Amino acid sequence: MRAAVVTAPDASPVCADFPEPAVPPGSEPLHLVGAGLHNVVRGLATGRHYGRGRMRYPLVPGIDAVARTGDGRLVYTGYARPPFGTMAERLVAPFQAEIPAGADPLAIAAGMNPGLSGWMVLTTRRREVGALGTVLVLGATGMSGTLAVQGALALGAERVIAAGRDPEALERLRGAGATTVSLAQDGPGGLEQALADAVSETSPGLVLDYLWGPVAEATFAALGRSGEDTEANTSYVQIGSLAGVEASLPADLLRSRRIRITGSGAGSVSAEEMLAEAPEVMARFADGSLHLPYTAFPLSRVGEAWAHTGRSRVVVVPD
């Protein structure tokens, strides 16, 4: 079969022939409709992601996809056994969830992975406390962060604070109903002050952090300033590290407010837990509550897709 093939950690994928995956008895292969090229896909294929394990090359990249069954149904699927990924004409994967009627299958392929990252945290918090209250999203102008803001609004958060660097994306989020904070601040203390001003009105009950590094440190300082709010009960969830892999945590923050700092990702959240949320997330894409731009590339142009740096999510489709 034709597939995207990565031959070494530093090699871009090429479209080439690859062996067919073994099909378990009583099953049949699925036929690719679209596979999202997410950040985690690049990280796993290059061996840089923390969940990489022992990579064997050559391999087919891709962790999830929309595919067509033999009887014509469209399903969301993924987590194929290495070295088989989802960027191939045919795939065998351990689960299938049917796509809702009217949903754009390529939007599902593009958005499920980044959308689930925030949705899992939001729904867990809502189950714990009953209402989301104020939600702060750090890295809100990236794909995952934007979907987290949309998800928080769709789930009825009282206030959503969207913090990011892209002014055009911030303007769109403001139009959707979020309070926005620019992280493009100059001068010492500027970032901390901007965040402190944003959380002074209502302390966030939930923080979704896609950035970490110095942005997390500035957020810790801003939250520490409002430590006198004895009613504050903040859950700070670390999801991504686009701004840095390390951050210094001040002791006085832990003593001055009730705060819980955890992480969410492969290893801390099981595949079964994520898949349980998949139908609801797909329904939100179908009704427009969640949406993001995407660009489709055929398998024959997978090298070009790999190098794409535009503001849309890449989806690899059959030729």
Protein backbone atom coordinates (compact mmCIF):
# COMPACT_ATOMS: atom_id res chain seq x y z
CA MET A 1 0.00 0.00 0.00
CA ARG A 2 1.04 3.64 -0.38
CA ALA A 3 1.89 5.42 2.84
CA ALA A 4 3.89 8.26 4.37
CA VAL A 5 7.16 6.64 5.46
CA VAL A 6 9.77 8.02 7.88
CA THR A 7 13.12 6.24 7.60
CA ALA A 8 15.12 8.00 10.34
CA PRO A 9 14.56 10.48 13.23
CA ASP A 10 15.83 13.45 11.21
CA ALA A 11 14.18 12.46 7.91
CA SER A 12 11.02 13.99 6.48
CA PRO A 13 8.41 11.45 5.37
CA VAL A 14 8.16 10.36 1.76
CA CYS A 15 5.30 8.68 -0.04
CA ALA A 16 6.37 5.08 -0.66
CA ASP A 17 5.17 1.49 -0.62
CA PHE A 18 4.84 -0.03 2.84
CA PRO A 19 3.69 -3.49 3.95
CA GLU A 20 0.02 -3.98 4.67
CA PRO A 21 -0.86 -4.21 8.39
CA ALA A 22 -1.94 -7.61 9.67
CA VAL A 23 -5.72 -7.84 9.95
CA PRO A 24 -7.10 -9.72 13.00
CA PRO A 25 -9.57 -12.53 12.28
CA GLY A 26 -13.07 -11.22 11.80
CA SER A 27 -11.87 -7.70 11.03
CA GLU A 28 -11.14 -5.74 7.88
CA PRO A 29 -8.82 -2.85 7.07
CA LEU A 30 -10.12 0.70 7.14
CA HIS A 31 -9.59 3.07 4.21
CA LEU A 32 -8.04 6.46 4.94
CA VAL A 33 -10.16 9.60 4.57
CA GLY A 34 -7.89 12.02 6.45
CA ALA A 35 -5.17 11.90 9.12
CA GLY A 36 -4.21 14.97 11.15
CA LEU A 37 -0.59 16.09 11.24
CA HIS A 38 -0.48 17.13 14.90
CA ASN A 39 2.53 18.33 16.90
CA VAL A 40 2.59 15.00 18.72
CA VAL A 41 2.81 13.17 15.38
CA ARG A 42 6.02 15.02 14.48
CA GLY A 43 7.37 14.53 18.00
CA LEU A 44 6.79 10.78 18.00
CA ALA A 45 8.13 10.27 14.48
CA THR A 46 11.34 12.17 15.28
CA GLY A 47 11.79 10.53 18.68
CA ARG A 48 11.51 13.84 20.55
CA HIS A 49 8.17 13.29 22.28
CA TYR A 50 8.25 11.96 25.84
CA GLY A 51 5.94 9.10 24.84
CA ARG A 52 8.18 7.93 22.00
CA GLY A 53 9.32 4.61 23.56
CA ARG A 54 11.79 2.70 21.45
CA MET A 55 11.21 3.85 17.88
CA ARG A 56 11.86 1.44 15.01
CA TYR A 57 12.37 2.73 11.49
CA PRO A 58 10.98 2.77 8.88
CA LEU A 59 7.60 3.73 10.27
CA VAL A 60 4.31 5.28 9.19
CA PRO A 61 3.49 8.44 11.21
CA GLY A 62 0.05 9.37 12.48
CA ILE A 63 -1.88 8.62 15.66
CA ASP A 64 -5.51 9.14 14.63
CA ALA A 65 -7.62 9.52 11.51
CA VAL A 66 -11.03 9.47 9.95
CA ALA A 67 -11.46 6.35 7.82
CA ARG A 68 -14.13 4.56 5.82
CA THR A 69 -15.29 1.06 6.67
CA GLY A 70 -16.00 -1.61 4.08
CA ASP A 71 -19.72 -0.86 4.28
CA GLY A 72 -19.17 2.87 3.75
CA ARG A 73 -19.44 4.27 7.29
CA LEU A 74 -17.13 7.10 8.38
CA VAL A 75 -15.38 6.48 11.69
CA TYR A 76 -12.84 8.21 13.88
CA THR A 77 -10.05 5.77 14.66
CA GLY A 78 -6.41 5.50 15.65
CA TYR A 79 -3.69 4.18 17.94
CA ALA A 80 -2.50 1.61 15.42
CA ARG A 81 0.32 -0.67 16.53
CA PRO A 82 3.80 0.61 15.50
CA PRO A 83 5.37 0.75 13.01
CA PHE A 84 1.95 1.32 11.42
CA GLY A 85 0.50 4.81 11.78
CA THR A 86 -2.57 6.39 10.23
CA MET A 87 -1.00 8.15 7.23
CA ALA A 88 -1.51 5.19 4.93
CA GLU A 89 -4.08 4.10 2.37
CA ARG A 90 -5.25 1.31 4.69
CA LEU A 91 -5.03 0.97 8.44
CA VAL A 92 -5.95 -1.38 11.24
CA ALA A 93 -6.70 0.23 14.61
CA PRO A 94 -8.20 -1.00 17.90
CA PHE A 95 -11.20 1.32 18.10
CA GLN A 96 -13.83 3.00 15.95
CA ALA A 97 -16.27 5.82 16.78
CA GLU A 98 -18.83 6.72 14.14
CA ILE A 99 -18.74 10.28 12.78
CA PRO A 100 -21.96 12.26 13.43
CA ALA A 101 -24.16 13.02 10.46
CA GLY A 102 -23.33 16.36 8.89
CA ALA A 103 -19.84 16.61 10.37
CA ASP A 104 -16.93 17.54 8.10
CA PRO A 105 -14.71 14.43 8.27
CA LEU A 106 -11.52 16.41 7.59
CA ALA A 107 -12.36 18.87 10.38
CA ILE A 108 -12.72 15.86 12.69
CA ALA A 109 -9.36 14.50 11.51
CA ALA A 110 -7.72 17.89 12.02
CA GLY A 111 -9.32 18.81 15.31
CA MET A 112 -9.91 15.78 17.50
CA ASN A 113 -6.39 15.47 18.90
CA PRO A 114 -5.91 19.15 19.78
CA GLY A 115 -9.55 19.46 20.80
CA LEU A 116 -9.47 16.54 23.22
CA SER A 117 -6.45 17.97 25.05
CA GLY A 118 -8.51 20.79 26.53
CA TRP A 119 -11.91 19.13 26.51
CA MET A 120 -10.74 16.36 28.86
CA VAL A 121 -9.54 18.91 31.42
CA LEU A 122 -12.67 21.05 31.13
CA THR A 123 -15.15 18.21 31.54
CA THR A 124 -13.18 16.69 34.43
CA ARG A 125 -13.23 20.04 36.24
CA ARG A 126 -16.94 20.50 35.61
CA ARG A 127 -17.67 17.05 37.05
CA GLU A 128 -15.59 17.91 40.13
CA VAL A 129 -17.06 21.31 40.97
CA GLY A 130 -20.32 21.47 39.01
CA ALA A 131 -19.54 24.70 37.13
CA LEU A 132 -16.45 26.01 35.39
CA GLY A 133 -16.48 29.57 36.73
CA THR A 134 -13.47 31.49 35.36
CA VAL A 135 -11.08 29.64 33.03
CA LEU A 136 -7.65 30.95 32.02
CA VAL A 137 -6.08 29.49 28.85
CA LEU A 138 -2.34 30.16 28.34
CA GLY A 139 -1.41 29.74 24.69
CA ALA A 140 -4.92 30.49 23.52
CA THR A 141 -3.87 31.57 20.02
CA GLY A 142 -2.44 28.14 19.11
CA MET A 143 -4.67 25.44 17.66
CA SER A 144 -5.15 23.50 20.91
CA GLY A 145 -5.53 26.64 22.98
CA THR A 146 -8.12 28.13 20.63
CA LEU A 147 -10.16 24.93 20.81
CA ALA A 148 -9.86 24.99 24.62
CA VAL A 149 -11.28 28.53 24.68
CA GLN A 150 -14.12 27.46 22.37
CA GLY A 151 -14.75 24.41 24.56
CA ALA A 152 -14.85 26.43 27.77
CA LEU A 153 -17.38 28.83 26.22
CA ALA A 154 -19.47 25.92 24.89
CA LEU A 155 -19.48 24.28 28.33
CA GLY A 156 -20.82 27.41 29.99
CA ALA A 157 -17.78 28.93 31.69
CA GLU A 158 -18.75 32.16 33.43
CA ARG A 159 -15.62 33.93 32.13
CA VAL A 160 -12.86 32.75 29.79
CA ILE A 161 -9.51 34.56 29.77
CA ALA A 162 -7.58 33.85 26.57
CA ALA A 163 -3.87 34.66 26.78
CA GLY A 164 -1.71 34.48 23.65
CA ARG A 165 0.62 36.37 21.33
CA ASP A 166 -1.18 36.49 17.96
CA PRO A 167 -3.21 39.75 17.85
CA GLU A 168 -5.52 38.61 15.05
CA ALA A 169 -6.34 35.36 16.84
CA LEU A 170 -6.93 37.27 20.08
CA GLU A 171 -9.36 39.55 18.26
CA ARG A 172 -11.31 36.53 16.99
CA LEU A 173 -11.47 35.06 20.49
CA ARG A 174 -12.63 38.39 21.87
CA GLY A 175 -15.40 38.39 19.28
CA ALA A 176 -16.40 34.90 20.43
CA GLY A 177 -16.86 36.13 23.99
CA ALA A 178 -13.49 35.69 25.69
CA THR A 179 -11.53 38.25 27.69
CA THR A 180 -8.11 38.51 26.04
CA VAL A 181 -4.58 39.13 27.31
CA SER A 182 -1.58 39.74 25.06
CA LEU A 183 1.51 37.75 26.07
CA ALA A 184 3.65 39.94 23.77
CA GLN A 185 4.67 42.24 26.63
CA ASP A 186 7.91 44.26 26.80
CA GLY A 187 9.94 45.24 29.84
CA PRO A 188 10.58 43.49 33.16
CA GLY A 189 7.39 42.49 34.91
CA GLY A 190 5.19 43.44 31.97
CA LEU A 191 3.88 39.93 31.41
CA GLU A 192 3.26 39.36 35.10
CA GLN A 193 1.38 42.65 35.38
CA ALA A 194 -0.80 41.91 32.34
CA LEU A 195 -1.76 38.53 33.78
CA ALA A 196 -2.28 39.99 37.26
CA ASP A 197 -4.65 42.60 35.84
CA ALA A 198 -6.59 39.87 34.02
CA VAL A 199 -7.09 37.69 37.10
CA SER A 200 -7.73 40.54 39.54
CA GLU A 201 -11.44 40.74 38.68
CA THR A 202 -12.16 37.04 39.20
CA SER A 203 -9.58 34.47 40.22
CA PRO A 204 -9.48 31.52 37.79
CA GLY A 205 -10.73 28.21 39.09
CA LEU A 206 -9.03 26.44 36.20
CA VAL A 207 -5.86 27.19 34.25
CA LEU A 208 -5.02 25.32 31.05
CA ASP A 209 -1.34 25.86 30.26
CA TYR A 210 -0.09 25.01 26.77
CA LEU A 211 3.12 27.05 27.18
CA TRP A 212 4.93 26.47 30.52
CA GLY A 213 8.41 28.06 30.82
CA PRO A 214 8.54 31.79 31.63
CA VAL A 215 4.83 32.24 30.92
CA ALA A 216 4.01 29.77 33.70
CA GLU A 217 6.38 31.60 36.04
CA ALA A 218 4.68 34.93 35.30
CA THR A 219 1.30 33.29 35.89
CA PHE A 220 2.43 31.86 39.22
CA ALA A 221 3.54 35.34 40.27
CA ALA A 222 0.22 36.86 39.14
CA LEU A 223 -1.79 34.25 41.00
CA GLY A 224 0.35 34.75 44.10
CA ARG A 225 -0.56 38.42 44.18
CA SER A 226 -4.20 37.52 44.75
CA GLY A 227 -3.42 34.98 47.44
CA GLU A 228 -5.52 36.87 49.96
CA ASP A 229 -8.61 35.54 48.18
CA THR A 230 -9.34 32.73 50.65
CA GLU A 231 -12.20 31.43 48.50
CA ALA A 232 -9.93 30.79 45.54
CA ASN A 233 -9.49 27.13 44.66
CA THR A 234 -7.42 26.84 41.51
CA SER A 235 -6.65 23.77 39.43
CA TYR A 236 -3.59 24.48 37.26
CA VAL A 237 -3.19 21.89 34.48
CA GLN A 238 0.04 21.68 32.44
CA ILE A 239 -0.70 20.42 28.90
CA GLY A 240 2.05 21.75 26.59
CA SER A 241 5.53 23.26 26.76
CA LEU A 242 5.81 25.51 23.73
CA ALA A 243 7.49 28.27 25.77
CA GLY A 244 9.88 26.02 27.69
CA VAL A 245 10.16 22.62 29.37
CA GLU A 246 11.01 23.94 32.83
CA ALA A 247 9.44 26.52 35.16
CA SER A 248 10.31 27.62 38.69
CA LEU A 249 7.49 27.22 41.19
CA PRO A 250 7.55 29.75 44.07
CA ALA A 251 6.91 28.37 47.54
CA ASP A 252 4.78 31.33 48.57
CA LEU A 253 2.23 30.54 45.85
CA LEU A 254 1.61 27.12 47.39
CA ARG A 255 1.21 28.67 50.84
CA SER A 256 -0.86 31.70 49.87
CA ARG A 257 -3.74 30.05 48.00
CA ARG A 258 -5.40 26.70 47.51
CA ILE A 259 -3.90 25.49 44.25
CA ARG A 260 -3.45 22.08 42.68
CA ILE A 261 -0.87 21.69 39.90
CA THR A 262 -1.17 18.63 37.67
CA GLY A 263 -0.48 17.56 34.10
CA SER A 264 -2.61 16.13 31.33
CA GLY A 265 -1.26 14.07 28.46
CA ALA A 266 -0.36 10.59 27.26
CA GLY A 267 0.46 8.64 30.40
CA SER A 268 -1.62 10.71 32.82
CA VAL A 269 -4.81 10.22 30.79
CA SER A 270 -5.62 6.79 29.36
CA ALA A 271 -6.64 6.18 25.77
CA GLU A 272 -9.92 4.75 27.09
CA GLU A 273 -10.70 7.98 28.95
CA MET A 274 -10.00 10.07 25.87
CA LEU A 275 -12.05 7.86 23.60
CA ALA A 276 -15.00 8.05 25.98
CA GLU A 277 -15.13 11.80 25.27
CA ALA A 278 -14.70 11.43 21.49
CA PRO A 279 -18.42 11.25 20.56
CA GLU A 280 -19.22 14.49 22.42
CA VAL A 281 -16.22 16.32 20.94
CA MET A 282 -17.19 15.18 17.43
CA ALA A 283 -20.73 16.40 18.07
CA ARG A 284 -19.31 19.83 18.98
CA PHE A 285 -17.41 19.94 15.69
CA ALA A 286 -20.59 18.93 13.90
CA ASP A 287 -22.67 21.73 15.46
CA GLY A 288 -19.91 24.35 15.04
CA SER A 289 -19.13 24.89 18.73
CA LEU A 290 -15.60 23.73 17.94
CA HIS A 291 -13.94 24.72 14.68
CA LEU A 292 -10.50 25.32 13.23
CA PRO A 293 -9.01 25.92 9.77
CA TYR A 294 -7.26 23.04 8.02
CA THR A 295 -5.31 22.44 4.82
CA ALA A 296 -5.42 19.09 3.06
CA PHE A 297 -2.39 17.53 1.36
CA PRO A 298 -2.44 14.26 -0.61
CA LEU A 299 -0.12 11.42 0.44
CA SER A 300 2.04 12.09 -2.61
CA ARG A 301 2.88 15.54 -1.14
CA VAL A 302 3.45 14.43 2.45
CA GLY A 303 6.94 15.99 2.53
CA GLU A 304 5.37 19.35 1.69
CA ALA A 305 2.71 18.77 4.34
CA TRP A 306 5.42 18.01 6.92
CA ALA A 307 7.12 21.34 6.20
CA HIS A 308 3.88 23.38 6.26
CA THR A 309 4.10 26.34 8.67
CA GLY A 310 0.78 28.09 8.01
CA ARG A 311 -1.88 28.93 10.58
CA SER A 312 -4.04 25.93 9.70
CA ARG A 313 -3.90 22.31 10.81
CA VAL A 314 -2.61 19.90 8.15
CA VAL A 315 -4.63 16.86 7.14
CA VAL A 316 -3.11 14.12 4.95
CA VAL A 317 -5.61 12.54 2.54
CA PRO A 318 -5.40 9.78 -0.09
CA ASP A 319 -4.40 10.76 -3.64
